[in-house]
Amino acid sequence: MMKNLRYIVFILMFALIVSGAIALMSSQASTEDSLSSKEPTAYIEANTINASFKMGGRITELLVDEGDTVKKGQVIARLESKELENKVAQAEAAVDLAEGKIAEASGAKKAATAKEAQGNEAVTVAQQSIESQIDQAEAAVKAAKANVQALDTKINSAKELYTIAKTNYDRMVQLQKEGAVAQIQVDEAKSKMEQAKAEYLGAVEQEKAASAQVEEAKASLQNAIANRGKVNVSKKDVEVANASLTQAEGAVQSAKGGKSQAEAALEEAKTYLGYTELVAPADGVIATKSIQIGELVNTGFPIFTIETTDTRYAKFYFDEKQVLDLERGDRATVELIASNQKVIGKIQTISPAGDFAVKKANQSLGETDIRSFAVKVEFPDLPSRIPTGMTVKWVGKGELK
């Protein structure tokens, strides 16, 4: 009897163990299905940048406040800058002074160069050119006089022809009155007379112009002769001019060196003055302000935190089975929890390695961990009215309707 009872107990215990194992396996499968089917959630994030000065100082202006929209390069705060402004003014004055010295030295160099050129030119003219100029001027006078003489001859000839033509015309007029010649002959004689008169008067005008040329040639000759007395520059004068030129060139180089130093000092002063202005490093919205006007700040202290208006994103975590269906570049649809609004995004990155475990293994059953993978979804067209930090739920891959 006792032996049968032990068999019955053993059978019951075995049945309980088998049924427990079956139940555990069923529960595990159910848990895995639940993990695979559960829609992950995330929240909308944005990149933030700290805006800080490159130098320390006292805050004099805060030009924006929390919530304000800023553009890249926009001045958003200033430090006290009077001392640096004075340094800039001093440096600018030093540059102006250096430029004045350069101008003075350049003027001296120009004068020395001109003096040297004048000396060399005078010596050269005295040795080579003056007599040639005089010869050319004398030849011009002779040619002009010869031209006048030729025109005088032309005038006499033209005057004689005119006199003959006029006498012939007067005779034709008289004969026409007597009826001896026709009117056409009178007109022809008149035309010849007028042509002869025009040639005569033209020759007279040419003679006047030629006479003027004679006077001009004579004046040129007188100037050429006068140049003989102006060329008195000696070689010693040229040597003195050369020495002055060398000295002036040295002064110019020295002044240019001084200007370069002054410009470097000015550039440095302007650079430090520029550090007193804080500019927005990117387009965005002022998220936090951590200082007040009048406070002293150190180099690199974050004055503002700017939430950039670059593409915002959400980071979802999928288990090993779910992530296999996703690829970088896929379009995805998510839903705003607060409004049930659908938003289209694009998968930008998928973590190359697993993150935390969404299910720990039961070692007694020979299981393994089920790990999660981060999937970053960007929203390039997310409306600005949707604030950063709102919760979104994964709907599915692609643009769902």
Protein backbone atom coordinates (compact mmCIF):
# COMPACT_ATOMS: atom_id res chain seq x y z
CA MET A 1 0.00 0.00 0.00
CA MET A 2 2.80 2.40 0.97
CA LYS A 3 4.68 1.47 -2.15
CA ASN A 4 1.72 2.40 -4.38
CA LEU A 5 1.36 5.69 -2.51
CA ARG A 6 4.97 6.60 -3.27
CA TYR A 7 4.41 5.88 -6.96
CA ILE A 8 1.36 8.14 -6.98
CA VAL A 9 3.28 11.00 -5.27
CA PHE A 10 6.18 10.61 -7.69
CA ILE A 11 3.85 10.73 -10.67
CA LEU A 12 2.12 13.85 -9.32
CA MET A 13 5.44 15.62 -8.73
CA PHE A 14 6.63 14.76 -12.22
CA ALA A 15 3.40 16.09 -13.69
CA LEU A 16 3.77 19.34 -11.75
CA ILE A 17 7.38 19.82 -12.95
CA VAL A 18 6.43 19.19 -16.60
CA SER A 19 3.45 21.53 -16.43
CA GLY A 20 5.62 24.25 -14.78
CA ALA A 21 8.25 23.97 -17.49
CA ILE A 22 5.60 24.21 -20.19
CA ALA A 23 4.09 27.25 -18.49
CA LEU A 24 7.52 28.93 -18.17
CA MET A 25 8.32 28.35 -21.82
CA SER A 26 4.93 29.73 -22.83
CA SER A 27 5.51 32.76 -20.64
CA GLN A 28 8.94 33.33 -22.20
CA ALA A 29 7.51 33.15 -25.73
CA SER A 30 4.76 35.52 -24.71
CA THR A 31 7.31 37.94 -23.25
CA GLU A 32 9.42 37.84 -26.43
CA ASP A 33 6.33 38.48 -28.58
CA SER A 34 5.41 41.35 -26.28
CA LEU A 35 8.90 42.87 -26.58
CA SER A 36 8.79 42.55 -30.37
CA SER A 37 5.34 44.11 -30.72
CA LYS A 38 5.63 46.96 -28.20
CA GLU A 39 5.99 50.36 -29.94
CA PRO A 40 9.03 52.24 -28.55
CA THR A 41 8.79 55.88 -27.49
CA ALA A 42 11.34 58.70 -27.41
CA TYR A 43 11.38 62.47 -27.02
CA ILE A 44 12.28 65.24 -29.47
CA GLU A 45 15.82 66.49 -28.96
CA ALA A 46 17.94 69.30 -30.41
CA ASN A 47 21.61 70.21 -30.37
CA THR A 48 22.67 72.94 -27.94
CA ILE A 49 25.70 75.24 -28.04
CA ASN A 50 27.21 77.30 -25.24
CA ALA A 51 28.04 80.91 -26.19
CA SER A 52 30.97 82.34 -24.22
CA PHE A 53 33.49 85.19 -24.49
CA LYS A 54 37.09 84.63 -25.58
CA MET A 55 38.26 86.93 -22.80
CA GLY A 56 37.16 87.89 -19.31
CA GLY A 57 35.56 91.18 -18.32
CA ARG A 58 32.49 92.97 -17.01
CA ILE A 59 29.17 92.53 -18.80
CA THR A 60 27.79 95.85 -20.10
CA GLU A 61 25.10 94.66 -22.51
CA LEU A 62 22.87 91.60 -22.85
CA LEU A 63 21.07 92.06 -26.15
CA VAL A 64 18.87 88.94 -26.07
CA ASP A 65 16.90 87.01 -23.49
CA GLU A 66 15.65 83.48 -22.98
CA GLY A 67 13.26 82.47 -25.76
CA ASP A 68 14.64 84.97 -28.29
CA THR A 69 15.52 83.77 -31.80
CA VAL A 70 19.06 84.60 -32.96
CA LYS A 71 20.97 84.37 -36.23
CA LYS A 72 24.52 83.17 -36.65
CA GLY A 73 26.93 86.11 -36.28
CA GLN A 74 24.39 88.28 -34.43
CA VAL A 75 25.86 90.25 -31.49
CA ILE A 76 24.13 89.02 -28.33
CA ALA A 77 26.25 90.51 -25.53
CA ARG A 78 29.13 92.93 -24.90
CA LEU A 79 31.90 93.39 -22.37
CA GLU A 80 33.27 96.68 -21.08
CA SER A 81 35.62 97.86 -23.83
CA LYS A 82 36.76 101.43 -23.05
CA GLU A 83 40.35 100.44 -22.31
CA LEU A 84 40.62 98.41 -25.52
CA GLU A 85 39.00 101.21 -27.53
CA ASN A 86 41.69 103.56 -26.24
CA LYS A 87 44.36 101.08 -27.31
CA VAL A 88 42.83 100.90 -30.78
CA ALA A 89 42.79 104.70 -31.01
CA GLN A 90 46.45 104.84 -29.94
CA ALA A 91 47.38 102.19 -32.49
CA GLU A 92 45.49 104.05 -35.24
CA ALA A 93 47.35 107.24 -34.31
CA ALA A 94 50.64 105.35 -34.52
CA VAL A 95 49.71 104.09 -38.01
CA ASP A 96 48.81 107.63 -39.11
CA LEU A 97 52.13 108.92 -37.76
CA ALA A 98 54.01 106.17 -39.60
CA GLU A 99 52.16 107.01 -42.81
CA GLY A 100 53.13 110.65 -42.36
CA LYS A 101 56.78 109.67 -42.00
CA ILE A 102 56.52 107.52 -45.12
CA ALA A 103 55.00 110.42 -47.04
CA GLU A 104 57.73 112.76 -45.80
CA ALA A 105 60.49 110.31 -46.68
CA SER A 106 58.87 109.54 -50.05
CA GLY A 107 58.71 113.26 -50.80
CA ALA A 108 62.39 113.63 -50.00
CA LYS A 109 63.17 110.64 -52.19
CA LYS A 110 61.09 112.06 -55.03
CA ALA A 111 62.86 115.41 -54.77
CA ALA A 112 66.27 113.71 -54.73
CA THR A 113 65.29 111.55 -57.70
CA ALA A 114 64.14 114.60 -59.64
CA LYS A 115 67.32 116.46 -58.78
CA GLU A 116 69.45 113.55 -59.90
CA ALA A 117 67.44 113.24 -63.13
CA GLN A 118 67.75 116.96 -63.78
CA GLY A 119 71.49 116.82 -63.26
CA ASN A 120 71.96 113.84 -65.54
CA GLU A 121 69.68 115.32 -68.15
CA ALA A 122 71.52 118.66 -68.05
CA VAL A 123 74.89 117.03 -68.47
CA THR A 124 73.58 114.88 -71.32
CA VAL A 125 71.92 117.83 -73.04
CA ALA A 126 75.08 119.92 -72.68
CA GLN A 127 77.19 117.18 -74.21
CA GLN A 128 74.92 115.87 -76.95
CA SER A 129 71.55 117.48 -77.52
CA ILE A 130 71.67 121.27 -77.49
CA GLU A 131 73.57 121.83 -80.73
CA SER A 132 71.34 119.32 -82.49
CA GLN A 133 68.26 121.20 -81.28
CA ILE A 134 69.68 124.48 -82.53
CA ASP A 135 70.45 122.98 -85.94
CA GLN A 136 66.92 121.63 -86.20
CA ALA A 137 65.47 125.01 -85.21
CA GLU A 138 67.60 126.86 -87.79
CA ALA A 139 66.56 124.39 -90.47
CA ALA A 140 62.91 124.96 -89.55
CA VAL A 141 63.36 128.73 -89.87
CA LYS A 142 64.93 128.34 -93.31
CA ALA A 143 62.19 126.02 -94.46
CA ALA A 144 59.50 128.37 -93.25
CA LYS A 145 61.09 131.34 -95.00
CA ALA A 146 61.41 129.36 -98.21
CA ASN A 147 57.74 128.49 -97.98
CA VAL A 148 56.87 132.17 -97.59
CA GLN A 149 58.94 133.05 -100.64
CA ALA A 150 57.25 130.36 -102.69
CA LEU A 151 53.85 131.65 -101.63
CA ASP A 152 54.82 135.21 -102.51
CA THR A 153 55.54 133.99 -106.04
CA LYS A 154 52.20 132.16 -106.08
CA ILE A 155 50.40 135.31 -104.93
CA ASN A 156 51.93 137.42 -107.69
CA SER A 157 50.98 134.84 -110.32
CA ALA A 158 47.44 134.48 -108.97
CA LYS A 159 47.03 138.27 -108.80
CA GLU A 160 48.11 138.64 -112.41
CA LEU A 161 45.66 135.95 -113.53
CA TYR A 162 42.91 137.61 -111.57
CA THR A 163 43.64 140.98 -113.18
CA ILE A 164 43.50 139.43 -116.65
CA ALA A 165 40.26 137.60 -115.87
CA LYS A 166 38.64 140.79 -114.51
CA THR A 167 39.70 142.82 -117.57
CA ASN A 168 38.25 140.14 -119.84
CA TYR A 169 35.01 140.09 -117.87
CA ASP A 170 34.66 143.90 -118.07
CA ARG A 171 35.25 143.74 -121.83
CA MET A 172 32.62 141.02 -122.26
CA VAL A 173 30.10 143.08 -120.33
CA GLN A 174 30.68 146.03 -122.66
CA LEU A 175 30.44 143.86 -125.79
CA GLN A 176 27.23 142.30 -124.51
CA LYS A 177 25.73 145.76 -124.13
CA GLU A 178 26.65 146.46 -127.75
CA GLY A 179 25.08 143.17 -128.79
CA ALA A 180 28.35 141.69 -129.98
CA VAL A 181 28.40 138.65 -127.61
CA ALA A 182 25.86 136.38 -126.01
CA GLN A 183 25.00 136.29 -122.31
CA ILE A 184 26.55 132.84 -121.90
CA GLN A 185 29.95 134.24 -122.85
CA VAL A 186 29.58 136.96 -120.23
CA ASP A 187 28.70 134.35 -117.57
CA GLU A 188 31.68 132.22 -118.54
CA ALA A 189 34.04 135.20 -118.23
CA LYS A 190 32.54 136.05 -114.85
CA SER A 191 33.06 132.50 -113.59
CA LYS A 192 36.72 132.52 -114.60
CA MET A 193 37.20 135.88 -112.92
CA GLU A 194 35.69 134.69 -109.65
CA GLN A 195 37.80 131.48 -109.70
CA ALA A 196 40.97 133.52 -110.26
CA LYS A 197 39.98 135.83 -107.42
CA ALA A 198 39.43 132.89 -105.04
CA GLU A 199 42.83 131.42 -105.90
CA TYR A 200 44.47 134.77 -105.31
CA LEU A 201 42.82 135.33 -101.94
CA GLY A 202 43.64 131.72 -100.93
CA ALA A 203 47.31 132.25 -101.73
CA VAL A 204 47.28 135.43 -99.60
CA GLU A 205 45.91 133.48 -96.59
CA GLN A 206 48.48 130.72 -97.06
CA GLU A 207 51.23 133.33 -97.06
CA LYS A 208 49.95 134.73 -93.77
CA ALA A 209 50.00 131.25 -92.19
CA ALA A 210 53.48 130.60 -93.54
CA SER A 211 54.69 133.88 -92.08
CA ALA A 212 53.33 132.85 -88.70
CA GLN A 213 55.23 129.57 -89.01
CA VAL A 214 58.38 131.55 -89.64
CA GLU A 215 57.85 133.42 -86.37
CA GLU A 216 57.20 130.19 -84.50
CA ALA A 217 60.36 128.64 -85.93
CA LYS A 218 62.35 131.72 -84.91
CA ALA A 219 60.97 131.48 -81.37
CA SER A 220 61.94 127.80 -81.19
CA LEU A 221 65.41 128.70 -82.35
CA GLN A 222 65.71 131.36 -79.65
CA ASN A 223 64.62 128.85 -76.99
CA ALA A 224 67.16 126.31 -78.21
CA ILE A 225 69.91 128.93 -78.05
CA ALA A 226 68.76 130.01 -74.58
CA ASN A 227 69.10 126.41 -73.35
CA ARG A 228 72.85 126.73 -73.71
CA GLY A 229 72.87 129.05 -70.74
CA LYS A 230 70.59 126.87 -68.62
CA VAL A 231 72.78 123.76 -68.71
CA ASN A 232 75.12 124.51 -65.82
CA VAL A 233 74.65 121.40 -63.68
CA SER A 234 78.03 119.82 -62.97
CA LYS A 235 78.91 116.21 -62.20
CA LYS A 236 79.49 117.22 -58.59
CA ASP A 237 75.87 118.33 -58.34
CA VAL A 238 74.79 114.92 -59.66
CA GLU A 239 76.92 113.17 -57.01
CA VAL A 240 75.31 115.26 -54.27
CA ALA A 241 71.88 114.33 -55.65
CA ASN A 242 72.84 110.64 -55.62
CA ALA A 243 73.85 110.85 -51.95
CA SER A 244 70.57 112.54 -51.06
CA LEU A 245 68.64 109.86 -52.94
CA THR A 246 70.39 107.05 -51.03
CA GLN A 247 69.62 108.74 -47.72
CA ALA A 248 65.97 109.26 -48.70
CA GLU A 249 65.59 105.60 -49.71
CA GLY A 250 66.87 104.51 -46.30
CA ALA A 251 64.39 106.84 -44.60
CA VAL A 252 61.53 105.38 -46.66
CA GLN A 253 62.43 101.80 -45.70
CA SER A 254 62.71 102.76 -42.05
CA ALA A 255 59.32 104.49 -42.13
CA LYS A 256 57.70 101.47 -43.83
CA GLY A 257 59.08 99.20 -41.11
CA GLY A 258 57.58 101.48 -38.48
CA LYS A 259 54.25 101.38 -40.24
CA SER A 260 54.28 97.57 -40.37
CA GLN A 261 54.84 97.43 -36.62
CA ALA A 262 52.10 99.99 -36.01
CA GLU A 263 49.66 98.07 -38.23
CA ALA A 264 50.43 94.83 -36.40
CA ALA A 265 49.73 96.54 -33.08
CA LEU A 266 46.50 97.98 -34.47
CA GLU A 267 45.36 94.59 -35.76
CA GLU A 268 46.05 93.03 -32.36
CA ALA A 269 44.15 95.79 -30.57
CA LYS A 270 41.18 95.40 -32.94
CA THR A 271 41.22 91.64 -32.42
CA TYR A 272 41.00 92.00 -28.65
CA LEU A 273 38.34 94.68 -29.04
CA GLY A 274 36.37 92.24 -31.18
CA TYR A 275 36.52 89.76 -28.30
CA THR A 276 34.34 92.13 -26.26
CA GLU A 277 31.42 91.29 -28.54
CA LEU A 278 29.74 87.91 -28.17
CA VAL A 279 28.14 86.66 -31.37
CA ALA A 280 25.73 83.78 -31.83
CA PRO A 281 27.70 80.75 -33.11
CA ALA A 282 24.65 79.38 -34.95
CA ASP A 283 21.00 80.03 -35.76
CA GLY A 284 18.79 79.08 -32.87
CA VAL A 285 16.79 80.04 -29.79
CA ILE A 286 18.21 81.23 -26.49
CA ALA A 287 17.51 78.38 -24.07
CA THR A 288 19.20 79.72 -20.92
CA LYS A 289 20.91 82.91 -19.74
CA SER A 290 23.38 82.49 -16.89
CA ILE A 291 24.65 86.02 -16.23
CA GLN A 292 23.40 89.54 -15.52
CA ILE A 293 24.62 92.99 -16.61
CA GLY A 294 27.45 94.26 -14.42
CA GLU A 295 28.79 90.83 -13.47
CA LEU A 296 32.38 89.78 -14.09
CA VAL A 297 32.93 86.69 -16.22
CA ASN A 298 35.98 84.59 -17.02
CA THR A 299 37.12 83.38 -20.40
CA GLY A 300 34.95 80.53 -21.64
CA PHE A 301 32.17 81.00 -19.09
CA PRO A 302 28.85 80.09 -20.83
CA ILE A 303 26.76 83.25 -21.03
CA PHE A 304 23.94 81.73 -23.07
CA THR A 305 22.91 78.24 -24.06
CA ILE A 306 21.51 78.22 -27.60
CA GLU A 307 19.24 75.50 -28.89
CA THR A 308 20.13 75.35 -32.56
CA THR A 309 17.50 75.33 -35.26
CA ASP A 310 19.29 72.57 -37.11
CA THR A 311 17.34 69.41 -37.78
CA ARG A 312 15.81 68.03 -34.57
CA TYR A 313 15.72 64.33 -33.81
CA ALA A 314 14.50 61.52 -31.56
CA LYS A 315 16.43 58.46 -30.44
CA PHE A 316 14.48 55.20 -30.29
CA TYR A 317 15.66 51.86 -28.91
CA PHE A 318 14.71 48.64 -30.71
CA ASP A 319 15.45 45.04 -29.75
CA GLU A 320 17.55 42.74 -31.89
CA LYS A 321 14.65 41.40 -33.92
CA GLN A 322 13.08 44.78 -34.66
CA VAL A 323 16.27 46.53 -35.70
CA LEU A 324 16.99 44.01 -38.46
CA ASP A 325 14.14 45.48 -40.48
CA LEU A 326 15.57 49.03 -40.41
CA GLU A 327 18.25 50.66 -42.56
CA ARG A 328 19.98 54.02 -42.53
CA GLY A 329 18.16 56.39 -44.87
CA ASP A 330 14.72 54.79 -44.41
CA ARG A 331 11.83 57.18 -43.95
CA ALA A 332 9.83 56.67 -40.76
CA THR A 333 6.57 57.85 -39.26
CA VAL A 334 6.21 58.79 -35.59
CA GLU A 335 3.28 60.13 -33.59
CA LEU A 336 3.18 62.93 -31.07
CA ILE A 337 1.70 61.49 -27.86
CA ALA A 338 0.16 64.82 -26.90
CA SER A 339 -1.74 65.46 -30.13
CA ASN A 340 -1.68 62.17 -32.09
CA GLN A 341 -0.13 64.14 -34.96
CA LYS A 342 1.91 62.10 -37.41
CA VAL A 343 5.42 63.35 -38.26
CA ILE A 344 7.68 62.08 -41.04
CA GLY A 345 11.37 61.58 -40.31
CA LYS A 346 14.42 59.87 -41.71
CA ILE A 347 16.66 57.28 -40.04
CA GLN A 348 20.04 58.96 -39.74
CA THR A 349 22.03 56.43 -37.72
CA ILE A 350 21.64 52.93 -36.31
CA SER A 351 23.93 51.96 -33.44
CA PRO A 352 26.55 49.48 -34.71
CA ALA A 353 26.64 47.74 -31.31
CA GLY A 354 23.99 46.71 -28.83
CA ASP A 355 23.22 48.91 -25.84
CA PHE A 356 21.38 47.81 -22.66
CA ALA A 357 19.46 44.52 -22.42
CA VAL A 358 15.70 44.75 -22.70
CA LYS A 359 15.47 41.20 -21.31
CA LYS A 360 17.93 39.40 -19.10
CA ALA A 361 18.70 35.77 -19.77
CA ASN A 362 17.47 32.95 -17.49
CA GLN A 363 20.65 30.92 -17.21
CA SER A 364 18.89 27.87 -15.88
CA LEU A 365 17.06 27.51 -19.21
CA GLY A 366 20.12 28.30 -21.40
CA GLU A 367 18.71 31.63 -22.66
CA THR A 368 20.64 34.77 -23.83
CA ASP A 369 20.09 38.50 -23.24
CA ILE A 370 17.96 40.41 -25.71
CA ARG A 371 19.80 43.72 -26.29
CA SER A 372 18.59 47.05 -27.62
CA PHE A 373 19.99 49.18 -30.48
CA ALA A 374 19.72 52.98 -30.70
CA VAL A 375 18.08 54.35 -33.86
CA LYS A 376 18.33 58.11 -34.45
CA VAL A 377 15.48 59.60 -36.51
CA GLU A 378 15.87 63.17 -37.81
CA PHE A 379 12.92 65.48 -38.58
CA PRO A 380 14.07 68.06 -41.17
CA ASP A 381 10.56 69.50 -41.61
CA LEU A 382 9.38 69.51 -37.99
CA PRO A 383 7.20 72.61 -37.44
CA SER A 384 8.70 75.19 -35.08
CA ARG A 385 5.48 75.23 -33.03
CA ILE A 386 6.28 71.71 -31.79
CA PRO A 387 8.55 72.25 -28.78
CA THR A 388 11.67 70.26 -28.09
CA GLY A 389 11.15 67.61 -25.42
CA MET A 390 7.73 66.35 -26.53
CA THR A 391 7.24 62.58 -26.46
CA VAL A 392 6.82 60.71 -29.73
CA LYS A 393 5.86 57.11 -30.41
CA TRP A 394 7.18 54.93 -33.21
CA VAL A 395 4.47 54.19 -35.76
CA GLY A 396 6.37 52.43 -38.51
CA LYS A 397 8.85 52.56 -41.34
CA GLY A 398 7.88 54.64 -44.38
CA GLU A 399 5.22 57.30 -44.82
CA LEU A 400 2.10 55.65 -43.39
CA LYS A 401 -1.38 56.89 -44.30
